[in-house]
Amino acid sequence: EMSGFNADTCGIITMVDEQSADIAMGVNMALEAKKSETDNNINRE
């Protein structure tokens, strides 16, 4: 407690959701892949 903050006693609040589906659809498949402008390597898409 003397340090003004304590790793063992501080409160922790978690408010985490999944990645937005709207963002995920663009990250999972790029616009170029949707237009068949990339190769078939899924990681490249």
All heavy atoms as atom14 arrays in JSON, in Angstrom:
{
  "sequence": "EMSGFNADTCGIITMVDEQSADIAMGVNMALEAKKSETDNNINRE",
  "atom14_mask": [
    [1, 1, 1, 1, 1, 1, 1, 1, 1, 0, 0, 0, 0, 0],
    [1, 1, 1, 1, 1, 1, 1, 1, 0, 0, 0, 0, 0, 0],
    [1, 1, 1, 1, 1, 1, 0, 0, 0, 0, 0, 0, 0, 0],
    [1, 1, 1, 1, 0, 0, 0, 0, 0, 0, 0, 0, 0, 0],
    [1, 1, 1, 1, 1, 1, 1, 1, 1, 1, 1, 0, 0, 0],
    [1, 1, 1, 1, 1, 1, 1, 1, 0, 0, 0, 0, 0, 0],
    [1, 1, 1, 1, 1, 0, 0, 0, 0, 0, 0, 0, 0, 0],
    [1, 1, 1, 1, 1, 1, 1, 1, 0, 0, 0, 0, 0, 0],
    [1, 1, 1, 1, 1, 1, 1, 0, 0, 0, 0, 0, 0, 0],
    [1, 1, 1, 1, 1, 1, 0, 0, 0, 0, 0, 0, 0, 0],
    [1, 1, 1, 1, 0, 0, 0, 0, 0, 0, 0, 0, 0, 0],
    [1, 1, 1, 1, 1, 1, 1, 1, 0, 0, 0, 0, 0, 0],
    [1, 1, 1, 1, 1, 1, 1, 1, 0, 0, 0, 0, 0, 0],
    [1, 1, 1, 1, 1, 1, 1, 0, 0, 0, 0, 0, 0, 0],
    [1, 1, 1, 1, 1, 1, 1, 1, 0, 0, 0, 0, 0, 0],
    [1, 1, 1, 1, 1, 1, 1, 0, 0, 0, 0, 0, 0, 0],
    [1, 1, 1, 1, 1, 1, 1, 1, 0, 0, 0, 0, 0, 0],
    [1, 1, 1, 1, 1, 1, 1, 1, 1, 0, 0, 0, 0, 0],
    [1, 1, 1, 1, 1, 1, 1, 1, 1, 0, 0, 0, 0, 0],
    [1, 1, 1, 1, 1, 1, 0, 0, 0, 0, 0, 0, 0, 0],
    [1, 1, 1, 1, 1, 0, 0, 0, 0, 0, 0, 0, 0, 0],
    [1, 1, 1, 1, 1, 1, 1, 1, 0, 0, 0, 0, 0, 0],
    [1, 1, 1, 1, 1, 1, 1, 1, 0, 0, 0, 0, 0, 0],
    [1, 1, 1, 1, 1, 0, 0, 0, 0, 0, 0, 0, 0, 0],
    [1, 1, 1, 1, 1, 1, 1, 1, 0, 0, 0, 0, 0, 0],
    [1, 1, 1, 1, 0, 0, 0, 0, 0, 0, 0, 0, 0, 0],
    [1, 1, 1, 1, 1, 1, 1, 0, 0, 0, 0, 0, 0, 0],
    [1, 1, 1, 1, 1, 1, 1, 1, 0, 0, 0, 0, 0, 0],
    [1, 1, 1, 1, 1, 1, 1, 1, 0, 0, 0, 0, 0, 0],
    [1, 1, 1, 1, 1, 0, 0, 0, 0, 0, 0, 0, 0, 0],
    [1, 1, 1, 1, 1, 1, 1, 1, 0, 0, 0, 0, 0, 0],
    [1, 1, 1, 1, 1, 1, 1, 1, 1, 0, 0, 0, 0, 0],
    [1, 1, 1, 1, 1, 0, 0, 0, 0, 0, 0, 0, 0, 0],
    [1, 1, 1, 1, 1, 1, 1, 1, 1, 0, 0, 0, 0, 0],
    [1, 1, 1, 1, 1, 1, 1, 1, 1, 0, 0, 0, 0, 0],
    [1, 1, 1, 1, 1, 1, 0, 0, 0, 0, 0, 0, 0, 0],
    [1, 1, 1, 1, 1, 1, 1, 1, 1, 0, 0, 0, 0, 0],
    [1, 1, 1, 1, 1, 1, 1, 0, 0, 0, 0, 0, 0, 0],
    [1, 1, 1, 1, 1, 1, 1, 1, 0, 0, 0, 0, 0, 0],
    [1, 1, 1, 1, 1, 1, 1, 1, 0, 0, 0, 0, 0, 0],
    [1, 1, 1, 1, 1, 1, 1, 1, 0, 0, 0, 0, 0, 0],
    [1, 1, 1, 1, 1, 1, 1, 1, 0, 0, 0, 0, 0, 0],
    [1, 1, 1, 1, 1, 1, 1, 1, 0, 0, 0, 0, 0, 0],
    [1, 1, 1, 1, 1, 1, 1, 1, 1, 1, 1, 0, 0, 0],
    [1, 1, 1, 1, 1, 1, 1, 1, 1, 0, 0, 0, 0, 0]
  ],
  "atom14_positions": [
    [[0.81, -1.22, 0.0], [0.0, 0.0, 0.0], [0.85, 1.27, 0.0], [0.4, 2.32, -0.44], [-0.93, -0.01, 1.23], [-1.89, -1.19, 1.28], [-2.79, -1.28, 0.07], [-3.07, -0.22, -0.55], [-3.21, -2.4, -0.28], [0.0, 0.0, 0.0], [0.0, 0.0, 0.0], [0.0, 0.0, 0.0], [0.0, 0.0, 0.0], [0.0, 0.0, 0.0]],
    [[2.09, 1.2, 0.47], [2.91, 2.4, 0.57], [3.26, 2.98, -0.81], [3.6, 4.15, -0.92], [4.2, 2.09, 1.33], [3.99, 1.8, 2.81], [3.18, 3.16, 3.69], [4.47, 4.41, 3.58], [0.0, 0.0, 0.0], [0.0, 0.0, 0.0], [0.0, 0.0, 0.0], [0.0, 0.0, 0.0], [0.0, 0.0, 0.0], [0.0, 0.0, 0.0]],
    [[3.18, 2.16, -1.86], [3.5, 2.66, -3.19], [2.34, 3.42, -3.82], [2.49, 4.0, -4.89], [3.91, 1.5, -4.11], [2.81, 0.64, -4.35], [0.0, 0.0, 0.0], [0.0, 0.0, 0.0], [0.0, 0.0, 0.0], [0.0, 0.0, 0.0], [0.0, 0.0, 0.0], [0.0, 0.0, 0.0], [0.0, 0.0, 0.0], [0.0, 0.0, 0.0]],
    [[1.18, 3.39, -3.18], [0.02, 4.11, -3.7], [-0.84, 3.28, -4.63], [-1.91, 3.71, -5.05], [0.0, 0.0, 0.0], [0.0, 0.0, 0.0], [0.0, 0.0, 0.0], [0.0, 0.0, 0.0], [0.0, 0.0, 0.0], [0.0, 0.0, 0.0], [0.0, 0.0, 0.0], [0.0, 0.0, 0.0], [0.0, 0.0, 0.0], [0.0, 0.0, 0.0]],
    [[-0.37, 2.08, -4.96], [-1.13, 1.18, -5.83], [-0.63, -0.22, -5.53], [0.57, -0.43, -5.36], [-0.9, 1.53, -7.3], [-1.94, 0.98, -8.23], [-3.1, 1.69, -8.49], [-1.78, -0.26, -8.85], [-4.07, 1.19, -9.36], [-2.74, -0.78, -9.71], [-3.88, -0.04, -9.96], [0.0, 0.0, 0.0], [0.0, 0.0, 0.0], [0.0, 0.0, 0.0]],
    [[-1.52, -1.2, -5.49], [-1.13, -2.54, -5.04], [-1.62, -3.58, -6.04], [-2.82, -3.7, -6.3], [-1.72, -2.83, -3.66], [-1.12, -4.08, -3.03], [-0.68, -4.99, -3.72], [-1.1, -4.12, -1.7], [0.0, 0.0, 0.0], [0.0, 0.0, 0.0], [0.0, 0.0, 0.0], [0.0, 0.0, 0.0], [0.0, 0.0, 0.0], [0.0, 0.0, 0.0]],
    [[-0.67, -4.33, -6.6], [-1.01, -5.36, -7.58], [-1.96, -6.41, -7.03], [-2.77, -6.98, -7.76], [0.27, -6.04, -8.07], [0.0, 0.0, 0.0], [0.0, 0.0, 0.0], [0.0, 0.0, 0.0], [0.0, 0.0, 0.0], [0.0, 0.0, 0.0], [0.0, 0.0, 0.0], [0.0, 0.0, 0.0], [0.0, 0.0, 0.0], [0.0, 0.0, 0.0]],
    [[-1.87, -6.68, -5.73], [-2.66, -7.76, -5.13], [-4.06, -7.34, -4.7], [-4.94, -8.2, -4.55], [-1.9, -8.34, -3.93], [-0.58, -8.96, -4.33], [-0.58, -9.79, -5.27], [0.45, -8.61, -3.75], [0.0, 0.0, 0.0], [0.0, 0.0, 0.0], [0.0, 0.0, 0.0], [0.0, 0.0, 0.0], [0.0, 0.0, 0.0], [0.0, 0.0, 0.0]],
    [[-4.27, -6.05, -4.5], [-5.57, -5.62, -3.97], [-6.34, -4.69, -4.91], [-7.49, -4.36, -4.62], [-5.38, -4.9, -2.62], [-4.56, -3.74, -2.81], [-4.75, -5.82, -1.59], [0.0, 0.0, 0.0], [0.0, 0.0, 0.0], [0.0, 0.0, 0.0], [0.0, 0.0, 0.0], [0.0, 0.0, 0.0], [0.0, 0.0, 0.0], [0.0, 0.0, 0.0]],
    [[-5.73, -4.24, -6.02], [-6.45, -3.32, -6.91], [-7.65, -4.01, -7.55], [-7.63, -5.22, -7.8], [-5.51, -2.77, -7.98], [-4.91, -3.99, -9.17], [0.0, 0.0, 0.0], [0.0, 0.0, 0.0], [0.0, 0.0, 0.0], [0.0, 0.0, 0.0], [0.0, 0.0, 0.0], [0.0, 0.0, 0.0], [0.0, 0.0, 0.0], [0.0, 0.0, 0.0]],
    [[-8.69, -3.25, -7.79], [-9.86, -3.79, -8.47], [-9.61, -3.92, -9.96], [-8.86, -3.13, -10.54], [0.0, 0.0, 0.0], [0.0, 0.0, 0.0], [0.0, 0.0, 0.0], [0.0, 0.0, 0.0], [0.0, 0.0, 0.0], [0.0, 0.0, 0.0], [0.0, 0.0, 0.0], [0.0, 0.0, 0.0], [0.0, 0.0, 0.0], [0.0, 0.0, 0.0]],
    [[-10.22, -4.93, -10.57], [-10.09, -5.14, -12.02], [-11.48, -5.31, -12.62], [-12.25, -6.17, -12.18], [-9.21, -6.36, -12.34], [-7.78, -6.14, -11.83], [-9.22, -6.65, -13.84], [-6.88, -7.36, -11.97], [0.0, 0.0, 0.0], [0.0, 0.0, 0.0], [0.0, 0.0, 0.0], [0.0, 0.0, 0.0], [0.0, 0.0, 0.0], [0.0, 0.0, 0.0]],
    [[-11.8, -4.5, -13.59], [-13.07, -4.6, -14.31], [-12.75, -4.95, -15.76], [-11.95, -4.28, -16.41], [-13.85, -3.28, -14.24], [-14.2, -2.93, -12.79], [-15.12, -3.35, -15.1], [-14.86, -1.58, -12.62], [0.0, 0.0, 0.0], [0.0, 0.0, 0.0], [0.0, 0.0, 0.0], [0.0, 0.0, 0.0], [0.0, 0.0, 0.0], [0.0, 0.0, 0.0]],
    [[-13.4, -6.0, -16.27], [-13.16, -6.44, -17.64], [-14.41, -6.23, -18.48], [-15.49, -6.73, -18.13], [-12.76, -7.93, -17.67], [-11.61, -8.12, -16.85], [-12.44, -8.38, -19.08], [0.0, 0.0, 0.0], [0.0, 0.0, 0.0], [0.0, 0.0, 0.0], [0.0, 0.0, 0.0], [0.0, 0.0, 0.0], [0.0, 0.0, 0.0], [0.0, 0.0, 0.0]],
    [[-14.27, -5.48, -19.56], [-15.38, -5.23, -20.49], [-14.87, -5.47, -21.91], [-14.46, -4.55, -22.61], [-15.89, -3.8, -20.32], [-16.47, -3.5, -18.95], [-17.15, -1.85, -18.81], [-15.66, -0.87, -18.9], [0.0, 0.0, 0.0], [0.0, 0.0, 0.0], [0.0, 0.0, 0.0], [0.0, 0.0, 0.0], [0.0, 0.0, 0.0], [0.0, 0.0, 0.0]],
    [[-14.85, -6.74, -22.3], [-14.27, -7.15, -23.58], [-15.32, -7.84, -24.43], [-16.06, -8.7, -23.93], [-13.06, -8.08, -23.36], [-12.52, -8.58, -24.69], [-11.96, -7.36, -22.58], [0.0, 0.0, 0.0], [0.0, 0.0, 0.0], [0.0, 0.0, 0.0], [0.0, 0.0, 0.0], [0.0, 0.0, 0.0], [0.0, 0.0, 0.0], [0.0, 0.0, 0.0]],
    [[-15.39, -7.49, -25.7], [-16.3, -8.11, -26.65], [-15.49, -8.74, -27.77], [-14.26, -8.6, -27.81], [-17.27, -7.06, -27.2], [-18.56, -7.69, -27.73], [-18.61, -8.93, -27.87], [-19.52, -6.93, -27.99], [0.0, 0.0, 0.0], [0.0, 0.0, 0.0], [0.0, 0.0, 0.0], [0.0, 0.0, 0.0], [0.0, 0.0, 0.0], [0.0, 0.0, 0.0]],
    [[-16.16, -9.41, -28.7], [-15.48, -9.94, -29.87], [-15.22, -8.83, -30.89], [-15.84, -7.76, -30.82], [-16.33, -11.03, -30.53], [-16.49, -12.27, -29.69], [-17.29, -13.35, -30.4], [-18.1, -12.99, -31.28], [-17.13, -14.53, -30.07], [0.0, 0.0, 0.0], [0.0, 0.0, 0.0], [0.0, 0.0, 0.0], [0.0, 0.0, 0.0], [0.0, 0.0, 0.0]],
    [[-14.31, -9.1, -31.84], [-14.08, -8.15, -32.91], [-15.38, -7.93, -33.69], [-16.12, -8.88, -33.96], [-12.99, -8.64, -33.86], [-12.65, -7.63, -34.95], [-11.56, -8.12, -35.89], [-11.66, -9.21, -36.45], [-10.53, -7.32, -36.08], [0.0, 0.0, 0.0], [0.0, 0.0, 0.0], [0.0, 0.0, 0.0], [0.0, 0.0, 0.0], [0.0, 0.0, 0.0]],
    [[-15.65, -6.69, -34.02], [-16.83, -6.35, -34.8], [-16.92, -7.17, -36.07], [-15.94, -7.3, -36.81], [-16.8, -4.85, -35.16], [-17.61, -4.57, -36.27], [0.0, 0.0, 0.0], [0.0, 0.0, 0.0], [0.0, 0.0, 0.0], [0.0, 0.0, 0.0], [0.0, 0.0, 0.0], [0.0, 0.0, 0.0], [0.0, 0.0, 0.0], [0.0, 0.0, 0.0]],
    [[-18.09, -7.73, -36.35], [-18.28, -8.52, -37.57], [-18.06, -7.67, -38.81], [-17.58, -8.15, -39.84], [-19.68, -9.13, -37.57], [0.0, 0.0, 0.0], [0.0, 0.0, 0.0], [0.0, 0.0, 0.0], [0.0, 0.0, 0.0], [0.0, 0.0, 0.0], [0.0, 0.0, 0.0], [0.0, 0.0, 0.0], [0.0, 0.0, 0.0], [0.0, 0.0, 0.0]],
    [[-18.4, -6.38, -38.73], [-18.22, -5.49, -39.88], [-16.75, -5.28, -40.19], [-16.35, -5.2, -41.37], [-18.89, -4.14, -39.62], [-20.4, -4.24, -39.58], [-20.93, -5.32, -39.92], [-21.06, -3.25, -39.22], [0.0, 0.0, 0.0], [0.0, 0.0, 0.0], [0.0, 0.0, 0.0], [0.0, 0.0, 0.0], [0.0, 0.0, 0.0], [0.0, 0.0, 0.0]],
    [[-15.92, -5.16, -39.14], [-14.47, -5.04, -39.36], [-13.9, -6.37, -39.82], [-13.11, -6.44, -40.76], [-13.77, -4.56, -38.07], [-14.21, -3.13, -37.71], [-12.24, -4.64, -38.21], [-13.67, -2.63, -36.39], [0.0, 0.0, 0.0], [0.0, 0.0, 0.0], [0.0, 0.0, 0.0], [0.0, 0.0, 0.0], [0.0, 0.0, 0.0], [0.0, 0.0, 0.0]],
    [[-14.33, -7.47, -39.16], [-13.78, -8.79, -39.47], [-13.98, -9.17, -40.93], [-13.11, -9.8, -41.54], [-14.41, -9.84, -38.56], [0.0, 0.0, 0.0], [0.0, 0.0, 0.0], [0.0, 0.0, 0.0], [0.0, 0.0, 0.0], [0.0, 0.0, 0.0], [0.0, 0.0, 0.0], [0.0, 0.0, 0.0], [0.0, 0.0, 0.0], [0.0, 0.0, 0.0]],
    [[-15.12, -8.8, -41.52], [-15.38, -9.2, -42.91], [-14.38, -8.56, -43.88], [-14.07, -9.13, -44.92], [-16.81, -8.85, -43.32], [-17.13, -7.37, -43.39], [-18.9, -7.05, -43.7], [-19.03, -7.56, -45.39], [0.0, 0.0, 0.0], [0.0, 0.0, 0.0], [0.0, 0.0, 0.0], [0.0, 0.0, 0.0], [0.0, 0.0, 0.0], [0.0, 0.0, 0.0]],
    [[-13.84, -7.39, -43.52], [-12.83, -6.75, -44.36], [-11.44, -7.26, -44.11], [-10.6, -7.28, -45.02], [0.0, 0.0, 0.0], [0.0, 0.0, 0.0], [0.0, 0.0, 0.0], [0.0, 0.0, 0.0], [0.0, 0.0, 0.0], [0.0, 0.0, 0.0], [0.0, 0.0, 0.0], [0.0, 0.0, 0.0], [0.0, 0.0, 0.0], [0.0, 0.0, 0.0]],
    [[-11.18, -7.68, -42.86], [-9.85, -8.21, -42.53], [-9.73, -9.65, -43.02], [-8.72, -10.05, -43.57], [-9.59, -8.13, -41.01], [-8.22, -8.71, -40.67], [-9.69, -6.7, -40.52], [0.0, 0.0, 0.0], [0.0, 0.0, 0.0], [0.0, 0.0, 0.0], [0.0, 0.0, 0.0], [0.0, 0.0, 0.0], [0.0, 0.0, 0.0], [0.0, 0.0, 0.0]],
    [[-10.79, -10.43, -42.84], [-10.76, -11.84, -43.26], [-10.56, -12.0, -44.77], [-9.89, -12.91, -45.22], [-12.05, -12.54, -42.85], [-12.2, -12.65, -41.35], [-11.23, -12.53, -40.61], [-13.42, -12.86, -40.89], [0.0, 0.0, 0.0], [0.0, 0.0, 0.0], [0.0, 0.0, 0.0], [0.0, 0.0, 0.0], [0.0, 0.0, 0.0], [0.0, 0.0, 0.0]],
    [[-11.17, -11.11, -45.53], [-11.03, -11.17, -46.98], [-10.97, -9.76, -47.53], [-11.92, -8.99, -47.43], [-12.19, -11.93, -47.63], [-12.05, -12.04, -49.15], [-13.27, -13.11, -49.93], [-12.65, -14.71, -49.44], [0.0, 0.0, 0.0], [0.0, 0.0, 0.0], [0.0, 0.0, 0.0], [0.0, 0.0, 0.0], [0.0, 0.0, 0.0], [0.0, 0.0, 0.0]],
    [[-9.82, -9.4, -48.11], [-9.61, -8.06, -48.64], [-10.49, -7.81, -49.85], [-10.97, -8.73, -50.51], [-8.14, -7.87, -49.02], [0.0, 0.0, 0.0], [0.0, 0.0, 0.0], [0.0, 0.0, 0.0], [0.0, 0.0, 0.0], [0.0, 0.0, 0.0], [0.0, 0.0, 0.0], [0.0, 0.0, 0.0], [0.0, 0.0, 0.0], [0.0, 0.0, 0.0]],
    [[-10.66, -6.55, -50.15], [-11.45, -6.15, -51.31], [-10.9, -6.78, -52.58], [-11.65, -7.23, -53.45], [-11.45, -4.62, -51.43], [-12.3, -4.02, -52.56], [-13.78, -4.3, -52.31], [-12.06, -2.51, -52.66], [0.0, 0.0, 0.0], [0.0, 0.0, 0.0], [0.0, 0.0, 0.0], [0.0, 0.0, 0.0], [0.0, 0.0, 0.0], [0.0, 0.0, 0.0]],
    [[-9.56, -6.85, -52.68], [-8.94, -7.46, -53.87], [-9.34, -8.92, -54.01], [-9.58, -9.41, -55.12], [-7.41, -7.37, -53.79], [-6.86, -5.94, -53.85], [-6.63, -5.34, -52.47], [-7.37, -5.7, -51.54], [-5.72, -4.53, -52.34], [0.0, 0.0, 0.0], [0.0, 0.0, 0.0], [0.0, 0.0, 0.0], [0.0, 0.0, 0.0], [0.0, 0.0, 0.0]],
    [[-9.42, -9.65, -52.88], [-9.81, -11.06, -52.92], [-11.26, -11.21, -53.35], [-11.61, -12.13, -54.1], [-9.58, -11.7, -51.55], [0.0, 0.0, 0.0], [0.0, 0.0, 0.0], [0.0, 0.0, 0.0], [0.0, 0.0, 0.0], [0.0, 0.0, 0.0], [0.0, 0.0, 0.0], [0.0, 0.0, 0.0], [0.0, 0.0, 0.0], [0.0, 0.0, 0.0]],
    [[-12.1, -10.32, -52.87], [-13.51, -10.37, -53.26], [-13.67, -10.13, -54.76], [-14.61, -10.62, -55.38], [-14.3, -9.33, -52.47], [-14.37, -9.64, -50.98], [-14.96, -8.47, -50.19], [-14.9, -8.74, -48.7], [-15.33, -7.58, -47.89], [0.0, 0.0, 0.0], [0.0, 0.0, 0.0], [0.0, 0.0, 0.0], [0.0, 0.0, 0.0], [0.0, 0.0, 0.0]],
    [[-12.74, -9.36, -55.33], [-12.77, -9.09, -56.77], [-11.85, -10.05, -57.55], [-11.6, -9.84, -58.73], [-12.32, -7.65, -57.03], [-13.29, -6.6, -56.51], [-12.77, -5.19, -56.84], [-13.77, -4.13, -56.41], [-13.27, -2.76, -56.72], [0.0, 0.0, 0.0], [0.0, 0.0, 0.0], [0.0, 0.0, 0.0], [0.0, 0.0, 0.0], [0.0, 0.0, 0.0]],
    [[-11.35, -11.08, -56.84], [-10.45, -12.08, -57.44], [-9.19, -11.46, -58.01], [-8.69, -11.84, -59.07], [-11.19, -12.86, -58.54], [-12.31, -13.52, -58.01], [0.0, 0.0, 0.0], [0.0, 0.0, 0.0], [0.0, 0.0, 0.0], [0.0, 0.0, 0.0], [0.0, 0.0, 0.0], [0.0, 0.0, 0.0], [0.0, 0.0, 0.0], [0.0, 0.0, 0.0]],
    [[-8.63, -10.46, -57.3], [-7.41, -9.8, -57.74], [-6.18, -10.3, -56.98], [-5.1, -9.75, -57.1], [-7.52, -8.27, -57.55], [-8.58, -7.64, -58.44], [-8.79, -6.17, -58.14], [-8.04, -5.63, -57.29], [-9.68, -5.56, -58.75], [0.0, 0.0, 0.0], [0.0, 0.0, 0.0], [0.0, 0.0, 0.0], [0.0, 0.0, 0.0], [0.0, 0.0, 0.0]],
    [[-6.32, -11.35, -56.17], [-5.17, -11.92, -55.48], [-5.04, -13.39, -55.86], [-5.91, -13.96, -56.53], [-5.34, -11.84, -53.94], [-6.41, -12.74, -53.54], [-5.69, -10.44, -53.49], [0.0, 0.0, 0.0], [0.0, 0.0, 0.0], [0.0, 0.0, 0.0], [0.0, 0.0, 0.0], [0.0, 0.0, 0.0], [0.0, 0.0, 0.0], [0.0, 0.0, 0.0]],
    [[-3.94, -14.01, -55.43], [-3.82, -15.46, -55.63], [-4.73, -16.17, -54.63], [-5.49, -15.54, -53.9], [-2.36, -15.9, -55.5], [-1.75, -15.52, -54.16], [-2.49, -15.5, -53.17], [-0.52, -15.25, -54.1], [0.0, 0.0, 0.0], [0.0, 0.0, 0.0], [0.0, 0.0, 0.0], [0.0, 0.0, 0.0], [0.0, 0.0, 0.0], [0.0, 0.0, 0.0]],
    [[-4.65, -17.47, -54.59], [-5.56, -18.24, -53.74], [-5.0, -18.53, -52.36], [-5.55, -19.34, -51.63], [-5.92, -19.56, -54.43], [-6.76, -19.34, -55.68], [-7.63, -18.46, -55.68], [-6.49, -20.11, -56.73], [0.0, 0.0, 0.0], [0.0, 0.0, 0.0], [0.0, 0.0, 0.0], [0.0, 0.0, 0.0], [0.0, 0.0, 0.0], [0.0, 0.0, 0.0]],
    [[-3.9, -17.88, -52.0], [-3.31, -18.04, -50.68], [-4.18, -17.28, -49.68], [-4.27, -16.06, -49.72], [-1.88, -17.51, -50.67], [-1.19, -17.71, -49.34], [-1.84, -17.82, -48.31], [0.14, -17.75, -49.37], [0.0, 0.0, 0.0], [0.0, 0.0, 0.0], [0.0, 0.0, 0.0], [0.0, 0.0, 0.0], [0.0, 0.0, 0.0], [0.0, 0.0, 0.0]],
    [[-4.84, -18.02, -48.78], [-5.81, -17.37, -47.89], [-5.18, -16.31, -47.01], [-5.77, -15.29, -46.7], [-6.56, -18.44, -47.05], [-7.76, -17.8, -46.33], [-5.61, -19.1, -46.04], [-8.71, -18.81, -45.72], [0.0, 0.0, 0.0], [0.0, 0.0, 0.0], [0.0, 0.0, 0.0], [0.0, 0.0, 0.0], [0.0, 0.0, 0.0], [0.0, 0.0, 0.0]],
    [[-3.91, -16.53, -46.6], [-3.24, -15.54, -45.76], [-2.96, -14.26, -46.53], [-2.85, -13.19, -45.96], [-1.93, -16.12, -45.2], [-1.41, -15.29, -44.04], [-2.18, -14.85, -43.19], [-0.1, -15.07, -44.0], [0.0, 0.0, 0.0], [0.0, 0.0, 0.0], [0.0, 0.0, 0.0], [0.0, 0.0, 0.0], [0.0, 0.0, 0.0], [0.0, 0.0, 0.0]],
    [[-2.84, -14.38, -47.86], [-2.59, -13.21, -48.69], [-3.85, -12.38, -48.88], [-3.79, -11.27, -49.39], [-2.07, -13.64, -50.07], [-0.68, -14.21, -50.03], [0.36, -13.11, -50.01], [1.63, -13.63, -49.56], [2.57, -12.89, -49.03], [2.39, -11.61, -48.84], [3.71, -13.41, -48.64], [0.0, 0.0, 0.0], [0.0, 0.0, 0.0], [0.0, 0.0, 0.0]],
    [[-5.0, -12.93, -48.53], [-6.25, -12.28, -48.84], [-6.75, -11.36, -47.74], [-7.8, -10.75, -47.87], [-7.31, -13.34, -49.17], [-6.97, -14.14, -50.43], [-7.99, -15.2, -50.75], [-8.87, -15.44, -49.91], [-7.91, -15.8, -51.84], [0.0, 0.0, 0.0], [0.0, 0.0, 0.0], [0.0, 0.0, 0.0], [0.0, 0.0, 0.0], [0.0, 0.0, 0.0]]
  ]
}
